[in-house]
C-alpha cells in the first residue's frame, strides 16, 4: 500500500521528537560558545538556522573567538563538514528517480547525522516528507537552543552545561543500536568503525590528520569494503 505524504510527514514528526530534544540541549552549549565569540543572541540563532552542523559551528565559533581570518574559518568549515558530501550522495540513492530537484536540494541543505541516520534506515525509497517531519521539529529546536544558550547559558552551573552536551551522543546510540540488533553485518561494522576510529586517533601520522578528514577516510574504507563484501540486493518495485 502506498502511503500519502501526510502520513510520512506525521511519522517524521514522531521520530523527530527525541532528535529535537537532543538538538535543543546540545545547541544550548553552542549558544554559550557563540556568546564567548562575541555573537549577539540573534546572530547566534541565525547562524544555527543557516548552518545545520554541530561540529562545524563549534569549530567556527572557536576560531572566531581566537581571532582567525576568513580563509582559516572557511577551510576548517569545509573539512569539518565534508562528510555531509558523502551523506548526500548516499541519501540520493534512497530517493526515487522521479524525485523533483527541489526536494533533493532541501534534503541536501538540512542533512545532519541524525536526519541522515533515520532517513537512510527506512526500507525502500525514501519519501522526502518523512525527513521534512523531522526537520520541522529539529531545525527550530537547534536554533532556539542556540538563542537561549547565548542569552542565559552563562547563568547555569558548569556541571549542568556539561551534562547537556552529552545528549547528542545518546541520540547516536539510539540511531545505531536498533539496526545493529537486527543485522549482524551492521553490528560488526559498528564495532569495526569504533575500533578503527580509536586506532586512527592513536596511530602515528593519521592521528595528526584533522578529525573531519579521518571520518571521511574511515567512511570510504569501511563502507566501501562492506559494499563489496556484503552487497544489498535490489528490492522489487512491489517491495518498495
Protein backbone atom coordinates (compact mmCIF):
# COMPACT_ATOMS: atom_id res chain seq x y z
CA UNK A 1 0.00 0.00 0.00
CA UNK A 2 1.34 3.43 -0.97
CA UNK A 3 1.24 5.83 1.98
CA UNK A 4 0.47 9.52 1.49
CA UNK A 5 2.89 12.39 2.02
CA UNK A 6 0.86 13.44 5.05
CA UNK A 7 1.29 10.00 6.64
CA UNK A 8 5.04 10.06 6.08
CA UNK A 9 5.23 13.60 7.43
CA UNK A 10 3.49 12.53 10.63
CA UNK A 11 5.91 9.63 11.00
CA UNK A 12 8.78 12.08 10.65
CA UNK A 13 7.28 14.32 13.31
CA UNK A 14 7.02 11.39 15.71
CA UNK A 15 10.59 10.23 15.10
CA UNK A 16 11.81 13.82 15.24
CA UNK A 17 10.73 14.45 18.84
CA UNK A 18 13.82 12.88 20.53
CA UNK A 19 16.07 14.49 17.92
CA UNK A 20 14.58 17.91 18.65
CA UNK A 21 15.06 17.44 22.40
CA UNK A 22 18.67 16.39 21.88
CA UNK A 23 19.33 19.28 19.49
CA UNK A 24 17.91 21.77 21.97
CA UNK A 25 20.15 20.50 24.76
CA UNK A 26 23.32 20.41 22.67
CA UNK A 27 22.73 23.75 20.96
CA UNK A 28 22.34 25.36 24.37
CA UNK A 29 26.07 24.84 24.95
CA UNK A 30 26.68 26.02 21.39
CA UNK A 31 24.98 29.30 22.29
CA UNK A 32 27.41 29.77 25.16
CA UNK A 33 30.31 29.28 22.76
CA UNK A 34 28.76 31.81 20.38
CA UNK A 35 28.45 34.37 23.16
CA UNK A 36 32.09 33.88 24.13
CA UNK A 37 32.99 34.52 20.48
CA UNK A 38 31.20 37.88 20.60
CA UNK A 39 27.95 36.91 18.85
CA UNK A 40 24.68 38.59 19.75
CA UNK A 41 21.71 36.28 20.52
CA UNK A 42 20.03 36.96 17.16
CA UNK A 43 23.30 36.39 15.30
CA UNK A 44 23.86 33.07 17.03
CA UNK A 45 20.30 31.94 16.25
CA UNK A 46 20.63 32.98 12.59
CA UNK A 47 23.90 31.05 12.34
CA UNK A 48 22.20 27.87 13.57
CA UNK A 49 19.34 28.41 11.14
CA UNK A 50 21.76 28.59 8.20
CA UNK A 51 24.37 26.04 9.33
CA UNK A 52 22.99 22.67 10.39
CA UNK A 53 26.25 21.28 11.73
CA UNK A 54 27.22 20.98 15.37
CA UNK A 55 30.93 20.30 14.89
CA UNK A 56 31.15 22.92 12.14
CA UNK A 57 29.54 25.61 14.27
CA UNK A 58 31.60 24.80 17.34
CA UNK A 59 34.77 24.94 15.24
CA UNK A 60 33.69 28.19 13.60
CA UNK A 61 32.83 29.96 16.85
CA UNK A 62 36.07 28.76 18.44
CA UNK A 63 38.18 30.06 15.55
CA UNK A 64 36.36 33.38 15.53
CA UNK A 65 36.92 33.73 19.28
CA UNK A 66 40.63 33.09 18.64
CA UNK A 67 40.74 35.85 16.02
CA UNK A 68 41.16 33.57 12.98
CA UNK A 69 40.81 35.01 9.48
CA UNK A 70 38.09 34.29 6.92
CA UNK A 71 40.24 31.83 4.98
CA UNK A 72 41.09 29.80 8.07
CA UNK A 73 37.45 29.59 9.08
CA UNK A 74 36.37 28.63 5.55
CA UNK A 75 38.96 25.85 5.29
CA UNK A 76 38.07 24.46 8.71
CA UNK A 77 34.35 24.53 7.91
CA UNK A 78 34.97 22.64 4.68
CA UNK A 79 37.00 19.97 6.46
CA UNK A 80 34.62 19.62 9.40
CA UNK A 81 31.53 19.35 7.20
CA UNK A 82 32.94 17.42 4.24
CA UNK A 83 31.33 14.22 5.49
CA UNK A 84 27.96 15.65 4.51
CA UNK A 85 29.03 15.31 0.88
CA UNK A 86 29.20 11.55 1.40
CA UNK A 87 25.88 11.52 3.23
CA UNK A 88 24.21 13.47 0.44
CA UNK A 89 25.50 11.02 -2.17
CA UNK A 90 24.24 8.06 -0.13
CA UNK A 91 20.86 9.67 0.54
CA UNK A 92 20.39 10.49 -3.15
CA UNK A 93 20.38 6.74 -3.83
CA UNK A 94 17.44 6.33 -1.45
CA UNK A 95 15.27 8.71 -3.45
CA UNK A 96 13.04 7.64 -6.29
CA UNK A 97 14.49 8.60 -9.70
CA UNK A 98 11.49 10.86 -10.34
CA UNK A 99 12.00 12.88 -7.14
CA UNK A 100 11.92 16.60 -8.11
CA UNK A 101 15.08 18.68 -7.81
CA UNK A 102 13.54 20.96 -5.18
CA UNK A 103 13.16 18.05 -2.77
CA UNK A 104 16.76 16.97 -3.36
CA UNK A 105 18.04 20.49 -2.66
CA UNK A 106 16.04 20.85 0.55
CA UNK A 107 17.19 17.47 1.85
CA UNK A 108 20.79 18.32 0.96
CA UNK A 109 20.62 21.61 2.84
CA UNK A 110 19.15 20.12 6.00
CA UNK A 111 21.15 16.90 6.12
CA UNK A 112 22.61 16.14 9.55
CA UNK A 113 23.97 12.97 11.14
CA UNK A 114 20.67 12.24 12.87
CA UNK A 115 18.35 13.11 9.98
CA UNK A 116 20.57 11.07 7.68
CA UNK A 117 20.71 8.08 10.04
CA UNK A 118 16.94 7.73 10.35
CA UNK A 119 16.24 8.59 6.70
CA UNK A 120 18.73 6.08 5.30
CA UNK A 121 17.37 3.38 7.61
CA UNK A 122 13.87 3.50 6.08
CA UNK A 123 13.23 0.46 3.86
CA UNK A 124 12.74 1.09 0.16
CA UNK A 125 12.64 4.53 -1.42
CA UNK A 126 12.69 7.50 0.95
CA UNK A 127 9.68 9.81 0.93
CA UNK A 128 11.12 13.33 1.45
CA UNK A 129 8.17 14.26 3.65
CA UNK A 130 9.40 11.80 6.28
CA UNK A 131 12.61 13.79 6.63
CA UNK A 132 10.64 17.05 6.45
CA UNK A 133 8.73 15.96 9.54
CA UNK A 134 11.96 15.55 11.49
CA UNK A 135 13.28 18.85 10.15
CA UNK A 136 10.10 20.67 11.26
CA UNK A 137 10.94 19.93 14.90
CA UNK A 138 14.72 19.54 14.83
CA UNK A 139 15.57 22.69 12.88
CA UNK A 140 13.78 25.21 15.14
CA UNK A 141 14.93 23.35 18.28
CA UNK A 142 18.56 23.72 17.17
CA UNK A 143 18.16 27.47 16.51
CA UNK A 144 16.11 28.14 19.64
CA UNK A 145 18.56 26.29 21.87
CA UNK A 146 21.43 28.35 20.46
CA UNK A 147 19.49 31.56 21.08
CA UNK A 148 18.66 30.70 24.71
CA UNK A 149 22.18 29.45 25.36
CA UNK A 150 23.60 32.74 24.15
CA UNK A 151 21.16 34.70 26.32
CA UNK A 152 21.32 32.83 29.61
CA UNK A 153 23.81 29.98 29.28
CA UNK A 154 26.47 31.53 31.46
CA UNK A 155 23.99 31.68 34.34
CA UNK A 156 23.79 27.88 34.62
CA UNK A 157 26.32 25.84 36.63
CA UNK A 158 29.15 24.29 34.61
CA UNK A 159 28.07 20.77 35.63
CA UNK A 160 24.63 21.24 34.06
CA UNK A 161 26.08 22.66 30.85
CA UNK A 162 28.46 19.69 30.55
CA UNK A 163 25.59 17.28 31.16
CA UNK A 164 23.53 18.85 28.38
CA UNK A 165 26.35 18.41 25.88
CA UNK A 166 26.21 14.62 26.31
CA UNK A 167 22.72 14.46 24.79
CA UNK A 168 23.94 14.23 21.20
CA UNK A 169 25.92 11.05 21.91
CA UNK A 170 22.77 9.46 23.29
CA UNK A 171 21.00 10.17 20.01
CA UNK A 172 23.78 8.49 18.04
CA UNK A 173 23.37 5.36 20.16
CA UNK A 174 19.61 5.43 19.62
CA UNK A 175 20.19 5.51 15.85
CA UNK A 176 22.75 2.70 15.52
CA UNK A 177 21.64 0.20 18.17
CA UNK A 178 18.22 -0.86 16.73
CA UNK A 179 19.50 -1.77 13.22
CA UNK A 180 22.64 -3.35 14.73
CA UNK A 181 20.50 -5.68 16.84
CA UNK A 182 18.60 -6.83 13.75
CA UNK A 183 21.56 -7.26 11.40
CA UNK A 184 24.87 -8.92 12.34
CA UNK A 185 26.67 -7.27 9.45
CA UNK A 186 25.67 -3.81 10.65
CA UNK A 187 26.62 -4.73 14.22
CA UNK A 188 30.04 -5.89 13.05
CA UNK A 189 30.57 -2.73 11.03
CA UNK A 190 29.67 -0.58 14.03
CA UNK A 191 32.26 -2.38 16.17
CA UNK A 192 34.89 -2.15 13.42
CA UNK A 193 34.15 1.55 12.92
CA UNK A 194 34.54 2.29 16.61
CA UNK A 195 37.79 0.33 16.84
CA UNK A 196 39.20 1.90 13.67
CA UNK A 197 38.26 5.39 14.85
CA UNK A 198 40.09 4.78 18.13
CA UNK A 199 43.18 3.48 16.32
CA UNK A 200 43.19 6.46 13.95
CA UNK A 201 43.40 8.75 16.98
CA UNK A 202 46.39 6.87 18.42
CA UNK A 203 48.49 5.73 15.45
CA UNK A 204 51.32 7.96 14.20
CA UNK A 205 50.73 10.05 11.07
CA UNK A 206 46.96 9.51 10.89
CA UNK A 207 46.42 10.94 14.37
CA UNK A 208 47.76 14.26 13.10
CA UNK A 209 45.06 14.41 10.41
CA UNK A 210 42.02 16.53 11.24
CA UNK A 211 39.00 14.69 12.66
CA UNK A 212 36.90 15.60 9.62
CA UNK A 213 39.36 14.02 7.18
CA UNK A 214 39.67 10.93 9.41
CA UNK A 215 35.90 10.47 9.34
CA UNK A 216 35.85 10.71 5.55
CA UNK A 217 38.70 8.19 5.18
CA UNK A 218 37.10 5.71 7.56
CA UNK A 219 33.71 6.11 5.89
CA UNK A 220 35.10 5.44 2.42
CA UNK A 221 37.24 2.49 3.53
CA UNK A 222 34.72 0.73 5.76
CA UNK A 223 31.59 1.50 3.74
CA UNK A 224 33.40 0.60 0.51
CA UNK A 225 34.60 -2.73 1.88
CA UNK A 226 31.12 -3.51 3.22
CA UNK A 227 29.52 -2.70 -0.14
CA UNK A 228 31.87 -5.13 -1.90
CA UNK A 229 31.72 -7.93 0.67
CA UNK A 230 28.05 -7.62 1.69
CA UNK A 231 26.12 -6.11 -1.24
CA UNK A 232 22.46 -5.30 -0.67
CA UNK A 233 20.08 -6.99 -3.06
CA UNK A 234 17.89 -4.71 -5.14
CA UNK A 235 14.31 -4.61 -3.93
CA UNK A 236 11.49 -5.13 -6.37
CA UNK A 237 9.13 -2.27 -7.17
CA UNK A 238 6.40 -4.06 -5.22
CA UNK A 239 8.59 -4.24 -2.12
CA UNK A 240 9.45 -0.54 -2.41
